[in-house]
Amino acid sequence: FEFFGGPSKGVEKRDKVRTRVIAAAISDHVRASDRVFVMGHKNSDLDSVGSAVGMWAVVRKGIEKPVSIVINRHATLAVQLVKSVEAEYEGENIFISPQEALQAATEHSLLVIVDTHSFNFVESKELLDKIDRVIVIDHHRMMVTHIKNSLIFYHEPYASSASEMVAEIVQYIRSSSIDAVDAQAMLAGIMLDTKNFVLKTGVRTFEASAFLKRCGADMVEVKRLFSDTLETYKERSQLVSGAEVYKGCAIATSTWEFDNVRIAAAQAADELLSIQGVKASFVLYKSGDGVNI
């Protein structure tokens, strides 16, 4: 493949006509299904899980169809969020493993993929192969490996996050289906992808956030979803303190392995960007036999 250009930023559209049409189409496809599965990307983060929770809420409470979120609990960065949602909806089997989803899926099932549009990054490639009826909701720049033959491919590169897109969609399906815990999940996703409303934040980002606040989102609870253990905080500080700056790039390496290395490395890379003169940051850490950047 050869690529030309592409440095320009996505321009935010003001009208929401397309969102309304997409929302109506999603409702129709959900009603025509026997069961719905919502799936994010591998190593799911707050935006992936938050947008999935928003879709789960509107399908379960708004359209009243059986729905589950497919997640690998051993490889998610949103453990706090998963626990808080499960505590709120005790007795509901909201989160299921990819293996459980594969067993439950039928030819009339619908798969909604959020926060990725590449078949290489989905939580379960087997589930994507098994279910023919697929809807994609994503905000990342278009990739060569995008999912083809989907029923709906809702792709808006100017949107801050998948959670922002889902927050707009649910308003046209049934806004009353969003409770405080659902709103907090989506708001956490928006805050993560915008770095607390700094990057890629448009007018529609604030409008979606205002809607979620009206639904009862508590900012203190949202902030709590970002809290770390003391061990992760120490590891992150160690990564940052050992960083070196070379030609405008901050580079940090973790020569030791620890449980939350993936989270600490991502947070350290974020923190290094706030240093004067740093235009890009790289954190390298061991992962099994390889090295992740």
C-alpha atoms as a PDB file:
ATOM      1  CA  PHE A   1       0.000   0.000   0.000  1.00  0.00           C
ATOM      2  CA  GLU A   2       1.085   3.555  -0.678  1.00  0.00           C
ATOM      3  CA  PHE A   3      -0.338   6.564   1.153  1.00  0.00           C
ATOM      4  CA  PHE A   4      -0.332  10.203   0.089  1.00  0.00           C
ATOM      5  CA  GLY A   5      -1.025  13.202   2.317  1.00  0.00           C
ATOM      6  CA  GLY A   6      -3.186  12.794   5.387  1.00  0.00           C
ATOM      7  CA  PRO A   7      -1.701  15.385   7.783  1.00  0.00           C
ATOM      8  CA  SER A   8      -4.894  17.460   7.857  1.00  0.00           C
ATOM      9  CA  LYS A   9      -7.213  17.248  10.850  1.00  0.00           C
ATOM     10  CA  GLY A  10     -10.799  16.045  10.616  1.00  0.00           C
ATOM     11  CA  VAL A  11     -13.260  18.942  10.485  1.00  0.00           C
ATOM     12  CA  GLU A  12     -16.114  18.756  12.957  1.00  0.00           C
ATOM     13  CA  LYS A  13     -19.572  18.741  11.407  1.00  0.00           C
ATOM     14  CA  ARG A  14     -22.230  20.744  13.218  1.00  0.00           C
ATOM     15  CA  ASP A  15     -25.418  19.015  12.041  1.00  0.00           C
ATOM     16  CA  LYS A  16     -26.431  15.665  13.486  1.00  0.00           C
ATOM     17  CA  VAL A  17     -28.623  14.438  10.629  1.00  0.00           C
ATOM     18  CA  ARG A  18     -26.336  11.482   9.941  1.00  0.00           C
ATOM     19  CA  THR A  19     -26.330  10.500  13.622  1.00  0.00           C
ATOM     20  CA  ARG A  20     -30.133  10.472  13.663  1.00  0.00           C
ATOM     21  CA  VAL A  21     -30.282   8.287  10.528  1.00  0.00           C
ATOM     22  CA  ILE A  22     -27.642   5.907  11.952  1.00  0.00           C
ATOM     23  CA  ALA A  23     -29.521   5.676  15.271  1.00  0.00           C
ATOM     24  CA  ALA A  24     -32.752   4.723  13.466  1.00  0.00           C
ATOM     25  CA  ALA A  25     -30.937   2.097  11.379  1.00  0.00           C
ATOM     26  CA  ILE A  26     -29.243   0.620  14.482  1.00  0.00           C
ATOM     27  CA  SER A  27     -32.645   0.354  16.217  1.00  0.00           C
ATOM     28  CA  ASP A  28     -34.088  -1.536  13.247  1.00  0.00           C
ATOM     29  CA  HIS A  29     -31.187  -4.006  13.119  1.00  0.00           C
ATOM     30  CA  VAL A  30     -31.305  -4.586  16.896  1.00  0.00           C
ATOM     31  CA  ARG A  31     -35.045  -5.320  16.762  1.00  0.00           C
ATOM     32  CA  ALA A  32     -34.456  -7.818  13.942  1.00  0.00           C
ATOM     33  CA  SER A  33     -31.912  -9.758  16.057  1.00  0.00           C
ATOM     34  CA  ASP A  34     -32.388 -12.493  18.626  1.00  0.00           C
ATOM     35  CA  ARG A  35     -29.388 -11.341  20.666  1.00  0.00           C
ATOM     36  CA  VAL A  36     -26.841  -8.521  20.560  1.00  0.00           C
ATOM     37  CA  PHE A  37     -23.129  -8.676  21.423  1.00  0.00           C
ATOM     38  CA  VAL A  38     -21.083  -5.497  21.986  1.00  0.00           C
ATOM     39  CA  MET A  39     -17.315  -5.804  21.575  1.00  0.00           C
ATOM     40  CA  GLY A  40     -14.409  -3.360  21.816  1.00  0.00           C
ATOM     41  CA  HIS A  41     -10.713  -3.745  21.038  1.00  0.00           C
ATOM     42  CA  LYS A  42      -7.990  -5.882  22.607  1.00  0.00           C
ATOM     43  CA  ASN A  43      -6.594  -4.583  25.921  1.00  0.00           C
ATOM     44  CA  SER A  44      -9.803  -2.580  26.282  1.00  0.00           C
ATOM     45  CA  ASP A  45      -9.552   0.881  27.838  1.00  0.00           C
ATOM     46  CA  LEU A  46     -12.102   3.234  29.408  1.00  0.00           C
ATOM     47  CA  ASP A  47     -13.356   4.452  26.026  1.00  0.00           C
ATOM     48  CA  SER A  48     -13.799   0.942  24.651  1.00  0.00           C
ATOM     49  CA  VAL A  49     -15.635  -0.316  27.757  1.00  0.00           C
ATOM     50  CA  GLY A  50     -17.467   3.000  28.340  1.00  0.00           C
ATOM     51  CA  SER A  51     -18.946   3.113  24.823  1.00  0.00           C
ATOM     52  CA  ALA A  52     -19.818  -0.603  25.102  1.00  0.00           C
ATOM     53  CA  VAL A  53     -21.686   0.063  28.367  1.00  0.00           C
ATOM     54  CA  GLY A  54     -23.615   2.900  26.647  1.00  0.00           C
ATOM     55  CA  MET A  55     -24.666   0.570  23.817  1.00  0.00           C
ATOM     56  CA  TRP A  56     -25.549  -2.179  26.313  1.00  0.00           C
ATOM     57  CA  ALA A  57     -27.791   0.222  28.281  1.00  0.00           C
ATOM     58  CA  VAL A  58     -29.736   1.503  25.274  1.00  0.00           C
ATOM     59  CA  VAL A  59     -30.235  -2.001  23.803  1.00  0.00           C
ATOM     60  CA  ARG A  60     -31.133  -3.603  27.150  1.00  0.00           C
ATOM     61  CA  LYS A  61     -33.329  -0.827  28.596  1.00  0.00           C
ATOM     62  CA  GLY A  62     -34.281   1.188  25.513  1.00  0.00           C
ATOM     63  CA  ILE A  63     -35.035  -1.530  22.944  1.00  0.00           C
ATOM     64  CA  GLU A  64     -35.342  -4.394  25.483  1.00  0.00           C
ATOM     65  CA  LYS A  65     -33.295  -7.009  23.675  1.00  0.00           C
ATOM     66  CA  PRO A  66     -30.888  -9.554  25.249  1.00  0.00           C
ATOM     67  CA  VAL A  67     -27.399  -8.037  25.077  1.00  0.00           C
ATOM     68  CA  SER A  68     -23.911  -8.787  26.452  1.00  0.00           C
ATOM     69  CA  ILE A  69     -20.536  -7.050  26.409  1.00  0.00           C
ATOM     70  CA  VAL A  70     -17.710  -9.318  25.208  1.00  0.00           C
ATOM     71  CA  ILE A  71     -14.515  -8.688  27.178  1.00  0.00           C
ATOM     72  CA  ASN A  72     -11.310 -10.448  28.161  1.00  0.00           C
ATOM     73  CA  ARG A  73     -11.098  -9.701  31.891  1.00  0.00           C
ATOM     74  CA  HIS A  74      -7.436 -10.725  32.064  1.00  0.00           C
ATOM     75  CA  ALA A  75      -6.362  -8.128  29.490  1.00  0.00           C
ATOM     76  CA  THR A  76      -8.405  -4.986  30.184  1.00  0.00           C
ATOM     77  CA  LEU A  77      -7.150  -1.614  31.385  1.00  0.00           C
ATOM     78  CA  ALA A  78     -10.630  -0.697  32.703  1.00  0.00           C
ATOM     79  CA  VAL A  79     -10.898  -3.094  35.664  1.00  0.00           C
ATOM     80  CA  GLN A  80     -12.313  -0.369  37.956  1.00  0.00           C
ATOM     81  CA  LEU A  81     -15.064   0.475  35.462  1.00  0.00           C
ATOM     82  CA  VAL A  82     -16.038  -3.164  34.912  1.00  0.00           C
ATOM     83  CA  LYS A  83     -16.316  -3.680  38.684  1.00  0.00           C
ATOM     84  CA  SER A  84     -18.414  -0.531  39.237  1.00  0.00           C
ATOM     85  CA  VAL A  85     -20.874  -1.442  36.448  1.00  0.00           C
ATOM     86  CA  GLU A  86     -21.208  -5.017  37.748  1.00  0.00           C
ATOM     87  CA  ALA A  87     -21.806  -3.742  41.284  1.00  0.00           C
ATOM     88  CA  GLU A  88     -24.582  -1.447  40.018  1.00  0.00           C
ATOM     89  CA  TYR A  89     -26.310  -4.155  37.953  1.00  0.00           C
ATOM     90  CA  GLU A  90     -25.902  -7.073  40.331  1.00  0.00           C
ATOM     91  CA  GLY A  91     -27.535 -10.217  38.982  1.00  0.00           C
ATOM     92  CA  GLU A  92     -27.281  -9.085  35.344  1.00  0.00           C
ATOM     93  CA  ASN A  93     -24.709 -11.030  33.322  1.00  0.00           C
ATOM     94  CA  ILE A  94     -23.395  -7.948  31.512  1.00  0.00           C
ATOM     95  CA  PHE A  95     -19.805  -8.965  30.754  1.00  0.00           C
ATOM     96  CA  ILE A  96     -19.073 -12.328  29.134  1.00  0.00           C
ATOM     97  CA  SER A  97     -15.897 -13.909  27.791  1.00  0.00           C
ATOM     98  CA  PRO A  98     -15.268 -14.368  24.040  1.00  0.00           C
ATOM     99  CA  GLN A  99     -15.678 -18.143  24.538  1.00  0.00           C
ATOM    100  CA  GLU A 100     -19.146 -17.709  26.098  1.00  0.00           C
ATOM    101  CA  ALA A 101     -20.141 -15.379  23.259  1.00  0.00           C
ATOM    102  CA  LEU A 102     -19.030 -17.903  20.627  1.00  0.00           C
ATOM    103  CA  GLN A 103     -21.264 -20.566  22.198  1.00  0.00           C
ATOM    104  CA  ALA A 104     -24.284 -18.239  22.484  1.00  0.00           C
ATOM    105  CA  ALA A 105     -24.069 -16.640  19.009  1.00  0.00           C
ATOM    106  CA  THR A 106     -26.569 -17.670  16.315  1.00  0.00           C
ATOM    107  CA  GLU A 107     -27.095 -16.669  12.669  1.00  0.00           C
ATOM    108  CA  HIS A 108     -29.663 -14.081  13.845  1.00  0.00           C
ATOM    109  CA  SER A 109     -27.261 -12.449  16.331  1.00  0.00           C
ATOM    110  CA  LEU A 110     -25.939  -8.904  15.890  1.00  0.00           C
ATOM    111  CA  LEU A 111     -22.382  -7.815  16.720  1.00  0.00           C
ATOM    112  CA  VAL A 112     -21.739  -4.138  17.539  1.00  0.00           C
ATOM    113  CA  ILE A 113     -18.043  -3.219  17.444  1.00  0.00           C
ATOM    114  CA  VAL A 114     -17.006  -0.008  19.235  1.00  0.00           C
ATOM    115  CA  ASP A 115     -13.738   1.966  19.388  1.00  0.00           C
ATOM    116  CA  THR A 116     -12.007   0.057  16.578  1.00  0.00           C
ATOM    117  CA  HIS A 117     -12.722  -0.663  12.929  1.00  0.00           C
ATOM    118  CA  SER A 118      -9.828  -3.048  12.259  1.00  0.00           C
ATOM    119  CA  PHE A 119     -10.377  -6.798  12.298  1.00  0.00           C
ATOM    120  CA  ASN A 120      -6.834  -7.160  13.723  1.00  0.00           C
ATOM    121  CA  PHE A 121      -7.672  -5.234  16.892  1.00  0.00           C
ATOM    122  CA  VAL A 122     -11.064  -6.632  17.930  1.00  0.00           C
ATOM    123  CA  GLU A 123     -11.366  -8.472  21.244  1.00  0.00           C
ATOM    124  CA  SER A 124     -12.295 -11.751  19.498  1.00  0.00           C
ATOM    125  CA  LYS A 125     -11.576 -12.326  15.815  1.00  0.00           C
ATOM    126  CA  GLU A 126     -13.386 -15.707  16.008  1.00  0.00           C
ATOM    127  CA  LEU A 127     -16.613 -14.016  17.091  1.00  0.00           C
ATOM    128  CA  LEU A 128     -16.318 -11.498  14.238  1.00  0.00           C
ATOM    129  CA  ASP A 129     -15.866 -14.393  11.789  1.00  0.00           C
ATOM    130  CA  LYS A 130     -18.877 -16.262  13.212  1.00  0.00           C
ATOM    131  CA  ILE A 131     -21.401 -13.393  13.222  1.00  0.00           C
ATOM    132  CA  ASP A 132     -22.287 -12.054   9.755  1.00  0.00           C
ATOM    133  CA  ARG A 133     -24.405  -9.097  10.925  1.00  0.00           C
ATOM    134  CA  VAL A 134     -21.968  -6.438  12.141  1.00  0.00           C
ATOM    135  CA  ILE A 135     -22.239  -2.741  13.058  1.00  0.00           C
ATOM    136  CA  VAL A 136     -19.057  -0.666  13.499  1.00  0.00           C
ATOM    137  CA  ILE A 137     -18.872   2.569  15.546  1.00  0.00           C
ATOM    138  CA  ASP A 138     -15.428   4.189  15.620  1.00  0.00           C
ATOM    139  CA  HIS A 139     -13.490   7.469  15.569  1.00  0.00           C
ATOM    140  CA  HIS A 140      -9.941   6.378  14.668  1.00  0.00           C
ATOM    141  CA  ARG A 141      -8.373   7.239  11.323  1.00  0.00           C
ATOM    142  CA  MET A 142      -9.309   4.790   8.579  1.00  0.00           C
ATOM    143  CA  MET A 143      -6.975   1.821   8.285  1.00  0.00           C
ATOM    144  CA  VAL A 144      -6.335  -0.621   5.458  1.00  0.00           C
ATOM    145  CA  THR A 145      -7.506  -3.483   7.697  1.00  0.00           C
ATOM    146  CA  HIS A 146     -11.004  -2.056   8.231  1.00  0.00           C
ATOM    147  CA  ILE A 147     -13.953  -4.429   8.620  1.00  0.00           C
ATOM    148  CA  LYS A 148     -15.723  -4.909   5.305  1.00  0.00           C
ATOM    149  CA  ASN A 149     -19.338  -5.933   4.548  1.00  0.00           C
ATOM    150  CA  SER A 150     -20.737  -4.424   7.770  1.00  0.00           C
ATOM    151  CA  LEU A 151     -24.435  -3.507   7.960  1.00  0.00           C
ATOM    152  CA  ILE A 152     -23.531  -0.034   9.277  1.00  0.00           C
ATOM    153  CA  PHE A 153     -20.046   1.507   9.255  1.00  0.00           C
ATOM    154  CA  TYR A 154     -20.369   4.627  11.402  1.00  0.00           C
ATOM    155  CA  HIS A 155     -16.943   6.244  11.203  1.00  0.00           C
ATOM    156  CA  GLU A 156     -16.323   9.848  12.318  1.00  0.00           C
ATOM    157  CA  PRO A 157     -12.586  10.690  12.600  1.00  0.00           C
ATOM    158  CA  TYR A 158     -13.315  14.156  14.020  1.00  0.00           C
ATOM    159  CA  ALA A 159     -15.168  12.722  17.051  1.00  0.00           C
ATOM    160  CA  SER A 160     -13.132  12.731  20.250  1.00  0.00           C
ATOM    161  CA  SER A 161     -14.038   9.198  21.263  1.00  0.00           C
ATOM    162  CA  ALA A 162     -16.359   6.256  20.641  1.00  0.00           C
ATOM    163  CA  SER A 163     -18.124   7.220  23.895  1.00  0.00           C
ATOM    164  CA  GLU A 164     -19.005  10.626  22.417  1.00  0.00           C
ATOM    165  CA  MET A 165     -20.488   8.934  19.329  1.00  0.00           C
ATOM    166  CA  VAL A 166     -22.522   6.478  21.418  1.00  0.00           C
ATOM    167  CA  ALA A 167     -23.733   9.312  23.690  1.00  0.00           C
ATOM    168  CA  GLU A 168     -25.145  11.039  20.581  1.00  0.00           C
ATOM    169  CA  ILE A 169     -26.713   7.834  19.233  1.00  0.00           C
ATOM    170  CA  VAL A 170     -28.556   6.945  22.464  1.00  0.00           C
ATOM    171  CA  GLN A 171     -30.242  10.368  22.515  1.00  0.00           C
ATOM    172  CA  TYR A 172     -32.041   9.454  19.269  1.00  0.00           C
ATOM    173  CA  ILE A 173     -32.986   5.947  20.424  1.00  0.00           C
ATOM    174  CA  ARG A 174     -34.039   6.428  24.044  1.00  0.00           C
ATOM    175  CA  SER A 175     -32.119   8.834  26.266  1.00  0.00           C
ATOM    176  CA  SER A 176     -34.006   7.776  29.415  1.00  0.00           C
ATOM    177  CA  SER A 177     -32.303   4.354  29.216  1.00  0.00           C
ATOM    178  CA  ILE A 178     -29.015   5.897  30.426  1.00  0.00           C
ATOM    179  CA  ASP A 179     -28.566   5.773  34.218  1.00  0.00           C
ATOM    180  CA  ALA A 180     -25.865   7.492  36.269  1.00  0.00           C
ATOM    181  CA  VAL A 181     -23.416   4.558  36.114  1.00  0.00           C
ATOM    182  CA  ASP A 182     -23.808   4.266  32.306  1.00  0.00           C
ATOM    183  CA  ALA A 183     -23.253   8.019  31.929  1.00  0.00           C
ATOM    184  CA  GLN A 184     -20.149   7.862  34.125  1.00  0.00           C
ATOM    185  CA  ALA A 185     -18.725   5.037  32.010  1.00  0.00           C
ATOM    186  CA  MET A 186     -19.122   7.065  28.800  1.00  0.00           C
ATOM    187  CA  LEU A 187     -17.848  10.283  30.385  1.00  0.00           C
ATOM    188  CA  ALA A 188     -14.730   8.421  31.566  1.00  0.00           C
ATOM    189  CA  GLY A 189     -14.192   7.295  27.958  1.00  0.00           C
ATOM    190  CA  ILE A 190     -14.475  10.865  26.673  1.00  0.00           C
ATOM    191  CA  MET A 191     -12.109  12.190  29.366  1.00  0.00           C
ATOM    192  CA  LEU A 192      -9.525   9.480  28.620  1.00  0.00           C
ATOM    193  CA  ASP A 193      -9.417  10.082  24.851  1.00  0.00           C
ATOM    194  CA  THR A 194      -9.435  13.885  25.138  1.00  0.00           C
ATOM    195  CA  LYS A 195      -6.872  13.938  27.998  1.00  0.00           C
ATOM    196  CA  ASN A 196      -9.420  15.698  30.251  1.00  0.00           C
ATOM    197  CA  PHE A 197     -10.961  17.820  27.451  1.00  0.00           C
ATOM    198  CA  VAL A 198      -7.645  19.075  26.030  1.00  0.00           C
ATOM    199  CA  LEU A 199      -7.108  17.142  22.768  1.00  0.00           C
ATOM    200  CA  LYS A 200      -9.611  16.672  19.908  1.00  0.00           C
ATOM    201  CA  THR A 201     -12.328  18.384  21.919  1.00  0.00           C
ATOM    202  CA  GLY A 202     -15.041  19.970  19.775  1.00  0.00           C
ATOM    203  CA  VAL A 203     -18.400  21.574  20.459  1.00  0.00           C
ATOM    204  CA  ARG A 204     -20.129  18.201  20.125  1.00  0.00           C
ATOM    205  CA  THR A 205     -17.790  16.716  22.744  1.00  0.00           C
ATOM    206  CA  PHE A 206     -19.088  19.214  25.315  1.00  0.00           C
ATOM    207  CA  GLU A 207     -22.685  18.688  24.160  1.00  0.00           C
ATOM    208  CA  ALA A 208     -22.346  14.922  24.660  1.00  0.00           C
ATOM    209  CA  SER A 209     -20.718  15.500  28.063  1.00  0.00           C
ATOM    210  CA  ALA A 210     -23.538  17.860  29.080  1.00  0.00           C
ATOM    211  CA  PHE A 211     -26.091  15.171  28.160  1.00  0.00           C
ATOM    212  CA  LEU A 212     -24.214  12.611  30.277  1.00  0.00           C
ATOM    213  CA  LYS A 213     -24.099  15.076  33.194  1.00  0.00           C
ATOM    214  CA  ARG A 214     -27.888  15.477  32.902  1.00  0.00           C
ATOM    215  CA  CYS A 215     -28.167  11.692  33.084  1.00  0.00           C
ATOM    216  CA  GLY A 216     -26.552  11.832  36.519  1.00  0.00           C
ATOM    217  CA  ALA A 217     -22.817  11.375  35.864  1.00  0.00           C
ATOM    218  CA  ASP A 218     -20.823  12.246  38.992  1.00  0.00           C
ATOM    219  CA  MET A 219     -17.435  13.784  38.171  1.00  0.00           C
ATOM    220  CA  VAL A 220     -15.948  12.585  41.468  1.00  0.00           C
ATOM    221  CA  GLU A 221     -16.902   8.998  40.617  1.00  0.00           C
ATOM    222  CA  VAL A 222     -15.536   9.422  37.089  1.00  0.00           C
ATOM    223  CA  LYS A 223     -12.230  10.704  38.485  1.00  0.00           C
ATOM    224  CA  ARG A 224     -12.130   7.692  40.804  1.00  0.00           C
ATOM    225  CA  LEU A 225     -12.110   5.405  37.752  1.00  0.00           C
ATOM    226  CA  PHE A 226      -8.725   6.919  36.852  1.00  0.00           C
ATOM    227  CA  SER A 227      -7.208   6.306  40.303  1.00  0.00           C
ATOM    228  CA  ASP A 228      -4.165   4.032  40.631  1.00  0.00           C
ATOM    229  CA  THR A 229      -2.729   1.694  43.203  1.00  0.00           C
ATOM    230  CA  LEU A 230       0.330   2.952  45.075  1.00  0.00           C
ATOM    231  CA  GLU A 231       2.478   0.374  43.265  1.00  0.00           C
ATOM    232  CA  THR A 232       1.413   1.629  39.818  1.00  0.00           C
ATOM    233  CA  TYR A 233       2.048   5.234  40.911  1.00  0.00           C
ATOM    234  CA  LYS A 234       5.568   4.339  42.111  1.00  0.00           C
ATOM    235  CA  GLU A 235       6.362   2.435  38.913  1.00  0.00           C
ATOM    236  CA  ARG A 236       5.131   5.348  36.789  1.00  0.00           C
ATOM    237  CA  SER A 237       7.258   7.819  38.772  1.00  0.00           C
ATOM    238  CA  GLN A 238      10.274   5.564  38.309  1.00  0.00           C
ATOM    239  CA  LEU A 239       9.705   5.449  34.539  1.00  0.00           C
ATOM    240  CA  VAL A 240       9.349   9.242  34.328  1.00  0.00           C
ATOM    241  CA  SER A 241      12.395   9.956  36.508  1.00  0.00           C
ATOM    242  CA  GLY A 242      14.558   7.661  34.378  1.00  0.00           C
ATOM    243  CA  ALA A 243      13.533   9.269  31.080  1.00  0.00           C
ATOM    244  CA  GLU A 244      15.958  11.084  28.781  1.00  0.00           C
ATOM    245  CA  VAL A 245      15.176  13.731  26.172  1.00  0.00           C
ATOM    246  CA  TYR A 246      16.748  13.371  22.717  1.00  0.00           C
ATOM    247  CA  LYS A 247      15.895  15.737  19.831  1.00  0.00           C
ATOM    248  CA  GLY A 248      12.540  16.692  21.342  1.00  0.00           C
ATOM    249  CA  CYS A 249      11.608  13.092  22.204  1.00  0.00           C
ATOM    250  CA  ALA A 250      11.330  11.850  25.767  1.00  0.00           C
ATOM    251  CA  ILE A 251      12.367   8.196  25.962  1.00  0.00           C
ATOM    252  CA  ALA A 252      11.873   5.986  29.009  1.00  0.00           C
ATOM    253  CA  THR A 253      12.595   2.276  29.401  1.00  0.00           C
ATOM    254  CA  SER A 254      11.413  -0.267  31.924  1.00  0.00           C
ATOM    255  CA  THR A 255      14.037  -2.998  32.309  1.00  0.00           C
ATOM    256  CA  TRP A 256      12.007  -4.686  35.043  1.00  0.00           C
ATOM    257  CA  GLU A 257       8.604  -6.393  34.740  1.00  0.00           C
ATOM    258  CA  PHE A 258       5.612  -5.772  37.017  1.00  0.00           C
ATOM    259  CA  ASP A 259       1.850  -6.445  36.996  1.00  0.00           C
ATOM    260  CA  ASN A 260       0.478  -3.097  35.794  1.00  0.00           C
ATOM    261  CA  VAL A 261       3.315  -2.251  33.414  1.00  0.00           C
ATOM    262  CA  ARG A 262       0.926  -1.548  30.522  1.00  0.00           C
ATOM    263  CA  ILE A 263      -1.038   1.026  32.537  1.00  0.00           C
ATOM    264  CA  ALA A 264       2.057   2.615  34.104  1.00  0.00           C
ATOM    265  CA  ALA A 265       3.788   2.885  30.712  1.00  0.00           C
ATOM    266  CA  ALA A 266       0.791   4.596  29.065  1.00  0.00           C
ATOM    267  CA  GLN A 267       0.460   7.040  31.971  1.00  0.00           C
ATOM    268  CA  ALA A 268       4.216   7.737  31.991  1.00  0.00           C
ATOM    269  CA  ALA A 269       4.098   8.514  28.245  1.00  0.00           C
ATOM    270  CA  ASP A 270       1.227  10.960  28.907  1.00  0.00           C
ATOM    271  CA  GLU A 271       3.103  12.616  31.745  1.00  0.00           C
ATOM    272  CA  LEU A 272       6.301  13.006  29.711  1.00  0.00           C
ATOM    273  CA  LEU A 273       4.357  14.974  27.072  1.00  0.00           C
ATOM    274  CA  SER A 274       3.694  17.713  29.629  1.00  0.00           C
ATOM    275  CA  ILE A 275       7.424  18.509  29.943  1.00  0.00           C
ATOM    276  CA  GLN A 276       8.666  21.641  28.178  1.00  0.00           C
ATOM    277  CA  GLY A 277      10.442  20.996  24.880  1.00  0.00           C
ATOM    278  CA  VAL A 278       9.041  17.476  24.539  1.00  0.00           C
ATOM    279  CA  LYS A 279       7.143  16.926  21.271  1.00  0.00           C
ATOM    280  CA  ALA A 280       6.796  13.147  21.488  1.00  0.00           C
ATOM    281  CA  SER A 281       7.250  10.518  24.179  1.00  0.00           C
ATOM    282  CA  PHE A 282       8.142   6.828  23.984  1.00  0.00           C
ATOM    283  CA  VAL A 283       8.032   4.291  26.805  1.00  0.00           C
ATOM    284  CA  LEU A 284       9.494   0.845  26.165  1.00  0.00           C
ATOM    285  CA  TYR A 285       8.793  -2.139  28.414  1.00  0.00           C
ATOM    286  CA  LYS A 286       9.335  -5.888  28.358  1.00  0.00           C
ATOM    287  CA  SER A 287       6.361  -8.079  27.544  1.00  0.00           C
ATOM    288  CA  GLY A 288       7.159 -11.796  27.607  1.00  0.00           C
ATOM    289  CA  ASP A 289       9.892 -12.396  25.028  1.00  0.00           C
ATOM    290  CA  GLY A 290       9.334  -9.103  23.218  1.00  0.00           C
ATOM    291  CA  VAL A 291       9.362  -5.365  23.854  1.00  0.00           C
ATOM    292  CA  ASN A 292       6.281  -3.139  23.651  1.00  0.00           C
ATOM    293  CA  ILE A 293       6.527   0.560  22.778  1.00  0.00           C
END
